[in-house]
């Protein structure tokens, strides 16, 4: 689970993560999110994409990296 010392994502990282989700690359995504916490807007966008691709494993992984200061 991510900790509070996480880096913020840049536009290049967000683009790469979006591509991984679109391609269904679960293991690459797991590595890319290893030390990341997703803010609400990032998470909402990525969850929508994962749901459009009908990939529940990716949806679960994304939720594990959610910023815990908000609720689903």
Foldseek 3Di string as FASTA:
>chain_A
DEDPPADDDDPVLLVVLLVCLLVVVLVVNCVSCVHAADEPVSLVVSLVSNVVVPHVSVNVSSVVRYDVVDDD
